[in-house]
Amino acid sequence: MPDLIAEQVISELSLGLDWAAKKQRAIANNLSNVDTPGYKRQEVTFPQALQRATQRQLSLRQTNSRHLPSKVTGAASTVIETNTTHRNDGNNVDIELETTELTRNFLYYNALIDQAGEYFRNLRLVISEGRR
């Protein structure tokens, strides 16, 4: 029988890391186009999708051993902010906001990497201690 808790932990860590990578690309696009007239900033809205997927998953049950286990699914969506303008040329990229988001995303990504590393270190400890 597969370990459903381990699968969910790995799945959610994976989704979080995927979201952080997509967010990094959006921030990089925003920063590289800070001087492009008419450019509208991109925002990645994945945590809401993860929350909705996780809530749906909690209500699912595997009633037969041949059924596939439920997994958290959802794709990060990129939204283009069209309702704001910071400059006369139509560009709405705020470099201070972007650098703040870059730092926040960096910390989030590193926290997830630390959690994944700790999870696998604990698994390795359990496996190695079980051999004694």
Foldseek 3Di string as FASTA:
>chain_A
DDDVVVQALVQVLVQLLVQLVVQLVQLVVLVVCVPPQQAFGKGKDCVVLQVVQVVVLVVDDDPDPPDDRRYRDDDIDIDTDQPDADDPSNYRRDPVVSVVVVVVSVVSNVVSVVVVVVVVVVVVVVVVVVVD
